[in-house]
Amino acid sequence: MTIGANVTSIGYVAFNGTGYTKLVYNAVSATGYTSVGGDIFAATISEVEFGTGVKRIPESFMAGNTSLTSIVIPEGVTEIGKYAFRNATALASITLPDSLESFGAYADNAMTFMGTKITSIVIPDKVTEMPRNMFARCNELVSITYGSGITQANYVASAALPKLAEIIFTSATPPTISADFLEDQTLANLQIKVPAAAVDAYKVAENWTAYADRIVANTEAAATSAAMPEALPAPSSKDEL
């Protein structure tokens, strides 16, 4: 099925149960259904193709899907709506574009990736705020990386994430976190990795002190920087001849 570029709104269970297996999605900035259970497309869709010019992924976009295993959100998308991949139970891989700026203005229970099988996720640098409860029941999730632009990181999930081993912050300035940032999480094997020069700043920042014993220097980032070749010297006039 194909959704046209001029579509502006997709309503409650609009195409649910239709049996389509491929979606060609061209809507530039459509909104979707914003209540739990309003899964708008067929659970049988296993392939999504995006047209050029798409700027927004609507609410409940692939919510309730049981067939899609991976998806790449295209460059140009700046916002992903609430519940977009909620209970997409086969989804194991999602790639977010550098252009992404927000997951919508949802203070509570965005549940964008709830119930998926993703093992890792990288939040792009332009995202400044993460809504609450983005990763509920992501039981395969091992790693979360927050981009350098994050200034507010809220409640990660409403239940323990059994395989979560690392949360990586790339910003040298500790973002604001909610007091319940990791409430109900199993912290036994969890490390919070931050830039080496910012370890002490993170440990004493408001609401971070509760996780001070989990905060460590991100040695992987240091190793990557060390491995990058130095810039070549500018050519001399002799070299240019």
C-alpha atoms as a PDB file:
ATOM      1  CA  MET A   1       0.000   0.000   0.000  1.00  0.00           C
ATOM      2  CA  THR A   2       1.088   3.592  -0.642  1.00  0.00           C
ATOM      3  CA  ILE A   3       0.455   6.642   1.533  1.00  0.00           C
ATOM      4  CA  GLY A   4       0.594   9.872  -0.478  1.00  0.00           C
ATOM      5  CA  ALA A   5       2.714  12.908   0.304  1.00  0.00           C
ATOM      6  CA  ASN A   6      -0.294  15.145   1.008  1.00  0.00           C
ATOM      7  CA  VAL A   7      -1.828  12.951   3.723  1.00  0.00           C
ATOM      8  CA  THR A   8      -1.902  14.970   6.945  1.00  0.00           C
ATOM      9  CA  SER A   9      -3.592  12.615   9.430  1.00  0.00           C
ATOM     10  CA  ILE A  10      -3.993   8.853   9.817  1.00  0.00           C
ATOM     11  CA  GLY A  11      -6.683   7.813  12.292  1.00  0.00           C
ATOM     12  CA  TYR A  12      -7.559   5.009  14.678  1.00  0.00           C
ATOM     13  CA  VAL A  13      -6.730   1.519  13.285  1.00  0.00           C
ATOM     14  CA  ALA A  14      -7.009   3.026   9.787  1.00  0.00           C
ATOM     15  CA  PHE A  15      -5.441   0.079   7.949  1.00  0.00           C
ATOM     16  CA  ASN A  16      -5.188  -2.449  10.761  1.00  0.00           C
ATOM     17  CA  GLY A  17      -6.075  -5.983   9.740  1.00  0.00           C
ATOM     18  CA  THR A  18      -5.771  -5.360   6.009  1.00  0.00           C
ATOM     19  CA  GLY A  19      -2.983  -7.893   5.468  1.00  0.00           C
ATOM     20  CA  TYR A  20      -0.614  -5.631   3.537  1.00  0.00           C
ATOM     21  CA  THR A  21       3.040  -6.722   3.668  1.00  0.00           C
ATOM     22  CA  LYS A  22       4.762  -3.616   2.223  1.00  0.00           C
ATOM     23  CA  LEU A  23       4.202   0.048   2.992  1.00  0.00           C
ATOM     24  CA  VAL A  24       5.404   2.854   0.734  1.00  0.00           C
ATOM     25  CA  TYR A  25       5.232   5.906   2.948  1.00  0.00           C
ATOM     26  CA  ASN A  26       5.393   9.390   1.410  1.00  0.00           C
ATOM     27  CA  ALA A  27       3.406  11.565   3.841  1.00  0.00           C
ATOM     28  CA  VAL A  28       5.556  14.577   4.659  1.00  0.00           C
ATOM     29  CA  SER A  29       4.340  15.401   8.156  1.00  0.00           C
ATOM     30  CA  ALA A  30       1.237  13.372   9.015  1.00  0.00           C
ATOM     31  CA  THR A  31      -0.003  12.819  12.555  1.00  0.00           C
ATOM     32  CA  GLY A  32      -1.158   9.442  13.826  1.00  0.00           C
ATOM     33  CA  TYR A  33      -3.338   8.077  16.608  1.00  0.00           C
ATOM     34  CA  THR A  34      -2.192   9.167  20.080  1.00  0.00           C
ATOM     35  CA  SER A  35      -3.875   6.633  22.394  1.00  0.00           C
ATOM     36  CA  VAL A  36      -2.728   3.136  23.326  1.00  0.00           C
ATOM     37  CA  GLY A  37      -4.268   0.500  21.079  1.00  0.00           C
ATOM     38  CA  GLY A  38      -4.754   2.688  18.041  1.00  0.00           C
ATOM     39  CA  ASP A  39      -2.389   0.688  15.843  1.00  0.00           C
ATOM     40  CA  ILE A  40      -2.888   2.249  12.428  1.00  0.00           C
ATOM     41  CA  PHE A  41      -1.189  -0.150   9.981  1.00  0.00           C
ATOM     42  CA  ALA A  42      -1.391  -3.904   9.415  1.00  0.00           C
ATOM     43  CA  ALA A  43       0.695  -6.058  11.742  1.00  0.00           C
ATOM     44  CA  THR A  44       1.765  -8.042   8.659  1.00  0.00           C
ATOM     45  CA  ILE A  45       3.871  -5.248   7.117  1.00  0.00           C
ATOM     46  CA  SER A  46       7.437  -6.547   6.843  1.00  0.00           C
ATOM     47  CA  GLU A  47       8.908  -3.847   4.594  1.00  0.00           C
ATOM     48  CA  VAL A  48       8.710  -0.052   4.762  1.00  0.00           C
ATOM     49  CA  GLU A  49       9.931   2.164   1.936  1.00  0.00           C
ATOM     50  CA  PHE A  50      10.105   5.912   2.498  1.00  0.00           C
ATOM     51  CA  GLY A  51       9.656   8.510  -0.203  1.00  0.00           C
ATOM     52  CA  THR A  52      11.686  11.685  -0.436  1.00  0.00           C
ATOM     53  CA  GLY A  53      10.643  14.625   1.699  1.00  0.00           C
ATOM     54  CA  VAL A  54       9.296  12.722   4.727  1.00  0.00           C
ATOM     55  CA  LYS A  55       9.876  14.889   7.807  1.00  0.00           C
ATOM     56  CA  ARG A  56       7.798  13.186  10.477  1.00  0.00           C
ATOM     57  CA  ILE A  57       7.023   9.616  11.572  1.00  0.00           C
ATOM     58  CA  PRO A  58       3.458   9.641  12.925  1.00  0.00           C
ATOM     59  CA  GLU A  59       2.240   8.425  16.282  1.00  0.00           C
ATOM     60  CA  SER A  60       1.526   4.651  16.408  1.00  0.00           C
ATOM     61  CA  PHE A  61       3.295   4.247  13.034  1.00  0.00           C
ATOM     62  CA  MET A  62       4.310   0.586  13.393  1.00  0.00           C
ATOM     63  CA  ALA A  63       2.694  -0.009  16.766  1.00  0.00           C
ATOM     64  CA  GLY A  64       1.522  -3.588  17.169  1.00  0.00           C
ATOM     65  CA  ASN A  65       3.487  -4.800  14.154  1.00  0.00           C
ATOM     66  CA  THR A  66       4.655  -8.418  14.354  1.00  0.00           C
ATOM     67  CA  SER A  67       6.550  -8.775  11.052  1.00  0.00           C
ATOM     68  CA  LEU A  68       9.007  -5.894  10.629  1.00  0.00           C
ATOM     69  CA  THR A  69      12.524  -6.872  11.775  1.00  0.00           C
ATOM     70  CA  SER A  70      14.513  -3.765  10.868  1.00  0.00           C
ATOM     71  CA  ILE A  71      13.940  -0.215   9.724  1.00  0.00           C
ATOM     72  CA  VAL A  72      16.088   2.744   8.674  1.00  0.00           C
ATOM     73  CA  ILE A  73      14.470   6.125   9.251  1.00  0.00           C
ATOM     74  CA  PRO A  74      15.613   8.368   6.373  1.00  0.00           C
ATOM     75  CA  GLU A  75      17.592  11.578   6.595  1.00  0.00           C
ATOM     76  CA  GLY A  76      15.283  14.583   6.665  1.00  0.00           C
ATOM     77  CA  VAL A  77      13.002  13.187   9.363  1.00  0.00           C
ATOM     78  CA  THR A  78      13.065  15.567  12.323  1.00  0.00           C
ATOM     79  CA  GLU A  79      10.411  14.075  14.620  1.00  0.00           C
ATOM     80  CA  ILE A  80       9.118  10.640  15.625  1.00  0.00           C
ATOM     81  CA  GLY A  81       5.726  10.537  17.318  1.00  0.00           C
ATOM     82  CA  LYS A  82       4.517   8.825  20.475  1.00  0.00           C
ATOM     83  CA  TYR A  83       4.043   5.015  20.377  1.00  0.00           C
ATOM     84  CA  ALA A  84       5.664   4.905  16.908  1.00  0.00           C
ATOM     85  CA  PHE A  85       7.119   1.398  17.398  1.00  0.00           C
ATOM     86  CA  ARG A  86       5.260   0.340  20.531  1.00  0.00           C
ATOM     87  CA  ASN A  87       4.981  -3.463  20.688  1.00  0.00           C
ATOM     88  CA  ALA A  88       6.558  -3.964  17.272  1.00  0.00           C
ATOM     89  CA  THR A  89       7.590  -7.307  18.653  1.00  0.00           C
ATOM     90  CA  ALA A  90       9.854  -8.503  15.811  1.00  0.00           C
ATOM     91  CA  LEU A  91      11.758  -5.234  15.427  1.00  0.00           C
ATOM     92  CA  ALA A  92      15.414  -5.915  16.263  1.00  0.00           C
ATOM     93  CA  SER A  93      17.174  -3.020  14.532  1.00  0.00           C
ATOM     94  CA  ILE A  94      16.325   0.632  14.059  1.00  0.00           C
ATOM     95  CA  THR A  95      18.606   3.305  12.626  1.00  0.00           C
ATOM     96  CA  LEU A  96      17.805   6.924  13.406  1.00  0.00           C
ATOM     97  CA  PRO A  97      18.885   9.771  11.092  1.00  0.00           C
ATOM     98  CA  ASP A  98      21.281  12.568  12.015  1.00  0.00           C
ATOM     99  CA  SER A  99      18.457  14.988  11.158  1.00  0.00           C
ATOM    100  CA  LEU A 100      16.242  13.767  14.026  1.00  0.00           C
ATOM    101  CA  GLU A 101      15.487  16.491  16.570  1.00  0.00           C
ATOM    102  CA  SER A 102      12.743  15.150  18.827  1.00  0.00           C
ATOM    103  CA  PHE A 103      10.359  12.388  19.815  1.00  0.00           C
ATOM    104  CA  GLY A 104       7.539  14.866  20.320  1.00  0.00           C
ATOM    105  CA  ALA A 105       6.532  16.922  23.312  1.00  0.00           C
ATOM    106  CA  TYR A 106       5.584  13.984  25.511  1.00  0.00           C
ATOM    107  CA  ALA A 107       6.496  14.349  29.174  1.00  0.00           C
ATOM    108  CA  ASP A 108       5.062  10.972  30.166  1.00  0.00           C
ATOM    109  CA  ASN A 109       5.040   7.478  28.724  1.00  0.00           C
ATOM    110  CA  ALA A 110       6.096   8.053  25.138  1.00  0.00           C
ATOM    111  CA  MET A 111       6.841   4.295  24.907  1.00  0.00           C
ATOM    112  CA  THR A 112       8.301   4.849  21.439  1.00  0.00           C
ATOM    113  CA  PHE A 113      10.319   1.614  21.365  1.00  0.00           C
ATOM    114  CA  MET A 114       8.394  -0.364  23.992  1.00  0.00           C
ATOM    115  CA  GLY A 115       8.333  -4.141  23.550  1.00  0.00           C
ATOM    116  CA  THR A 116      10.751  -4.262  20.615  1.00  0.00           C
ATOM    117  CA  LYS A 117      13.742  -6.606  20.324  1.00  0.00           C
ATOM    118  CA  ILE A 118      16.307  -3.878  19.716  1.00  0.00           C
ATOM    119  CA  THR A 119      19.704  -4.614  21.266  1.00  0.00           C
ATOM    120  CA  SER A 120      21.209  -1.150  20.916  1.00  0.00           C
ATOM    121  CA  ILE A 121      20.184   2.341  19.930  1.00  0.00           C
ATOM    122  CA  VAL A 122      22.022   5.580  19.186  1.00  0.00           C
ATOM    123  CA  ILE A 123      20.143   8.819  19.788  1.00  0.00           C
ATOM    124  CA  PRO A 124      21.329  11.481  17.307  1.00  0.00           C
ATOM    125  CA  ASP A 125      23.143  14.639  18.396  1.00  0.00           C
ATOM    126  CA  LYS A 126      20.280  17.021  17.547  1.00  0.00           C
ATOM    127  CA  VAL A 127      17.898  15.429  20.049  1.00  0.00           C
ATOM    128  CA  THR A 128      17.906  17.568  23.199  1.00  0.00           C
ATOM    129  CA  GLU A 129      15.244  15.830  25.314  1.00  0.00           C
ATOM    130  CA  MET A 130      14.248  12.207  25.773  1.00  0.00           C
ATOM    131  CA  PRO A 131      10.644  11.649  26.895  1.00  0.00           C
ATOM    132  CA  ARG A 132       9.826   9.282  29.732  1.00  0.00           C
ATOM    133  CA  ASN A 133       9.494   5.520  29.441  1.00  0.00           C
ATOM    134  CA  MET A 134      10.904   5.116  25.934  1.00  0.00           C
ATOM    135  CA  PHE A 135      12.237   1.573  26.407  1.00  0.00           C
ATOM    136  CA  ALA A 136       9.675  -0.289  28.517  1.00  0.00           C
ATOM    137  CA  ARG A 137       9.874  -4.086  28.036  1.00  0.00           C
ATOM    138  CA  CYS A 138      12.871  -3.844  25.677  1.00  0.00           C
ATOM    139  CA  ASN A 139      14.198  -7.052  27.177  1.00  0.00           C
ATOM    140  CA  GLU A 140      17.002  -7.519  24.627  1.00  0.00           C
ATOM    141  CA  LEU A 141      18.359  -3.975  24.988  1.00  0.00           C
ATOM    142  CA  VAL A 142      22.070  -3.944  25.877  1.00  0.00           C
ATOM    143  CA  SER A 143      23.245  -0.430  25.031  1.00  0.00           C
ATOM    144  CA  ILE A 144      21.787   3.090  24.842  1.00  0.00           C
ATOM    145  CA  THR A 145      23.891   5.965  23.479  1.00  0.00           C
ATOM    146  CA  TYR A 146      22.759   9.543  23.950  1.00  0.00           C
ATOM    147  CA  GLY A 147      24.094  12.078  21.447  1.00  0.00           C
ATOM    148  CA  SER A 148      26.079  15.165  22.362  1.00  0.00           C
ATOM    149  CA  GLY A 149      23.055  17.474  22.247  1.00  0.00           C
ATOM    150  CA  ILE A 150      21.058  15.813  25.022  1.00  0.00           C
ATOM    151  CA  THR A 151      20.180  18.219  27.847  1.00  0.00           C
ATOM    152  CA  GLN A 152      17.312  16.316  29.516  1.00  0.00           C
ATOM    153  CA  ALA A 153      17.177  12.536  29.937  1.00  0.00           C
ATOM    154  CA  ASN A 154      14.052  11.205  31.601  1.00  0.00           C
ATOM    155  CA  TYR A 155      12.851   7.890  33.069  1.00  0.00           C
ATOM    156  CA  VAL A 156      14.279   5.099  30.885  1.00  0.00           C
ATOM    157  CA  ALA A 157      11.723   2.329  31.440  1.00  0.00           C
ATOM    158  CA  SER A 158       8.905   1.320  33.747  1.00  0.00           C
ATOM    159  CA  ALA A 159      10.445  -2.074  34.523  1.00  0.00           C
ATOM    160  CA  ALA A 160      13.933  -3.530  34.786  1.00  0.00           C
ATOM    161  CA  LEU A 161      15.777  -4.118  31.519  1.00  0.00           C
ATOM    162  CA  PRO A 162      17.498  -7.461  32.172  1.00  0.00           C
ATOM    163  CA  LYS A 163      20.290  -7.156  29.585  1.00  0.00           C
ATOM    164  CA  LEU A 164      21.059  -3.440  29.817  1.00  0.00           C
ATOM    165  CA  ALA A 165      24.832  -3.236  30.291  1.00  0.00           C
ATOM    166  CA  GLU A 166      25.720   0.315  29.330  1.00  0.00           C
ATOM    167  CA  ILE A 167      24.295   3.775  28.925  1.00  0.00           C
ATOM    168  CA  ILE A 168      26.679   6.067  27.069  1.00  0.00           C
ATOM    169  CA  PHE A 169      26.587   9.851  27.338  1.00  0.00           C
ATOM    170  CA  THR A 170      28.761  11.725  24.842  1.00  0.00           C
ATOM    171  CA  SER A 171      28.168  15.230  26.191  1.00  0.00           C
ATOM    172  CA  ALA A 172      30.935  16.718  28.335  1.00  0.00           C
ATOM    173  CA  THR A 173      28.231  18.579  30.284  1.00  0.00           C
ATOM    174  CA  PRO A 174      26.037  16.305  32.425  1.00  0.00           C
ATOM    175  CA  PRO A 175      22.458  16.545  31.155  1.00  0.00           C
ATOM    176  CA  THR A 176      19.614  16.992  33.586  1.00  0.00           C
ATOM    177  CA  ILE A 177      18.127  13.640  34.553  1.00  0.00           C
ATOM    178  CA  SER A 178      14.906  12.894  36.391  1.00  0.00           C
ATOM    179  CA  ALA A 179      15.135  11.626  39.962  1.00  0.00           C
ATOM    180  CA  ASP A 180      13.709   8.286  38.795  1.00  0.00           C
ATOM    181  CA  PHE A 181      15.988   8.027  35.739  1.00  0.00           C
ATOM    182  CA  LEU A 182      16.763   4.341  36.383  1.00  0.00           C
ATOM    183  CA  GLU A 183      13.976   3.457  38.795  1.00  0.00           C
ATOM    184  CA  ASP A 184      13.388  -0.299  38.994  1.00  0.00           C
ATOM    185  CA  GLN A 185      16.440  -1.022  36.861  1.00  0.00           C
ATOM    186  CA  THR A 186      18.770  -3.920  37.591  1.00  0.00           C
ATOM    187  CA  LEU A 187      22.034  -2.072  38.139  1.00  0.00           C
ATOM    188  CA  ALA A 188      24.330  -4.972  39.059  1.00  0.00           C
ATOM    189  CA  ASN A 189      26.138  -5.018  35.701  1.00  0.00           C
ATOM    190  CA  LEU A 190      25.233  -1.578  34.375  1.00  0.00           C
ATOM    191  CA  GLN A 191      27.868   1.023  33.576  1.00  0.00           C
ATOM    192  CA  ILE A 192      27.177   4.642  32.734  1.00  0.00           C
ATOM    193  CA  LYS A 193      29.957   5.682  30.364  1.00  0.00           C
ATOM    194  CA  VAL A 194      30.809   9.362  29.999  1.00  0.00           C
ATOM    195  CA  PRO A 195      33.720  11.398  28.547  1.00  0.00           C
ATOM    196  CA  ALA A 196      36.846  10.786  30.650  1.00  0.00           C
ATOM    197  CA  ALA A 197      37.312  14.462  31.485  1.00  0.00           C
ATOM    198  CA  ALA A 198      33.724  14.719  32.720  1.00  0.00           C
ATOM    199  CA  VAL A 199      33.549  11.736  35.105  1.00  0.00           C
ATOM    200  CA  ASP A 200      33.809  13.857  38.264  1.00  0.00           C
ATOM    201  CA  ALA A 201      31.298  16.409  36.967  1.00  0.00           C
ATOM    202  CA  TYR A 202      28.749  13.685  36.299  1.00  0.00           C
ATOM    203  CA  LYS A 203      29.222  12.079  39.712  1.00  0.00           C
ATOM    204  CA  VAL A 204      28.348  15.259  41.605  1.00  0.00           C
ATOM    205  CA  ALA A 205      25.610  16.636  39.345  1.00  0.00           C
ATOM    206  CA  GLU A 206      22.048  16.779  40.664  1.00  0.00           C
ATOM    207  CA  ASN A 207      20.328  13.351  40.638  1.00  0.00           C
ATOM    208  CA  TRP A 208      23.512  11.763  39.287  1.00  0.00           C
ATOM    209  CA  THR A 209      24.944  11.055  42.734  1.00  0.00           C
ATOM    210  CA  ALA A 210      22.653   8.023  43.078  1.00  0.00           C
ATOM    211  CA  TYR A 211      24.554   6.414  40.194  1.00  0.00           C
ATOM    212  CA  ALA A 212      28.055   7.648  41.050  1.00  0.00           C
ATOM    213  CA  ASP A 213      29.427   4.140  41.524  1.00  0.00           C
ATOM    214  CA  ARG A 214      28.270   3.227  37.997  1.00  0.00           C
ATOM    215  CA  ILE A 215      29.826   6.209  36.220  1.00  0.00           C
ATOM    216  CA  VAL A 216      33.059   5.384  34.381  1.00  0.00           C
ATOM    217  CA  ALA A 217      35.198   6.901  31.633  1.00  0.00           C
ATOM    218  CA  ASN A 218      34.196   5.883  28.133  1.00  0.00           C
ATOM    219  CA  THR A 219      37.477   4.257  27.119  1.00  0.00           C
ATOM    220  CA  GLU A 220      36.023   3.054  23.804  1.00  0.00           C
ATOM    221  CA  ALA A 221      35.613   6.662  22.685  1.00  0.00           C
ATOM    222  CA  ALA A 222      39.172   7.469  23.734  1.00  0.00           C
ATOM    223  CA  ALA A 223      40.482   4.476  21.818  1.00  0.00           C
ATOM    224  CA  THR A 224      38.593   5.537  18.700  1.00  0.00           C
ATOM    225  CA  SER A 225      40.031   9.050  18.882  1.00  0.00           C
ATOM    226  CA  ALA A 226      43.536   7.705  19.390  1.00  0.00           C
ATOM    227  CA  ALA A 227      43.191   5.448  16.372  1.00  0.00           C
ATOM    228  CA  MET A 228      42.243   8.267  13.996  1.00  0.00           C
ATOM    229  CA  PRO A 229      45.115   9.373  11.761  1.00  0.00           C
ATOM    230  CA  GLU A 230      46.588  12.796  12.273  1.00  0.00           C
ATOM    231  CA  ALA A 231      45.960  15.409   9.628  1.00  0.00           C
ATOM    232  CA  LEU A 232      48.625  15.468   6.956  1.00  0.00           C
ATOM    233  CA  PRO A 233      50.873  18.570   6.916  1.00  0.00           C
ATOM    234  CA  ALA A 234      50.155  21.200   4.338  1.00  0.00           C
ATOM    235  CA  PRO A 235      52.201  20.686   1.168  1.00  0.00           C
ATOM    236  CA  SER A 236      55.260  22.860   0.652  1.00  0.00           C
ATOM    237  CA  SER A 237      55.668  24.920  -2.486  1.00  0.00           C
ATOM    238  CA  LYS A 238      58.064  22.240  -3.725  1.00  0.00           C
ATOM    239  CA  ASP A 239      55.395  19.549  -3.198  1.00  0.00           C
ATOM    240  CA  GLU A 240      52.910  21.581  -5.202  1.00  0.00           C
ATOM    241  CA  LEU A 241      55.138  21.788  -8.304  1.00  0.00           C
END
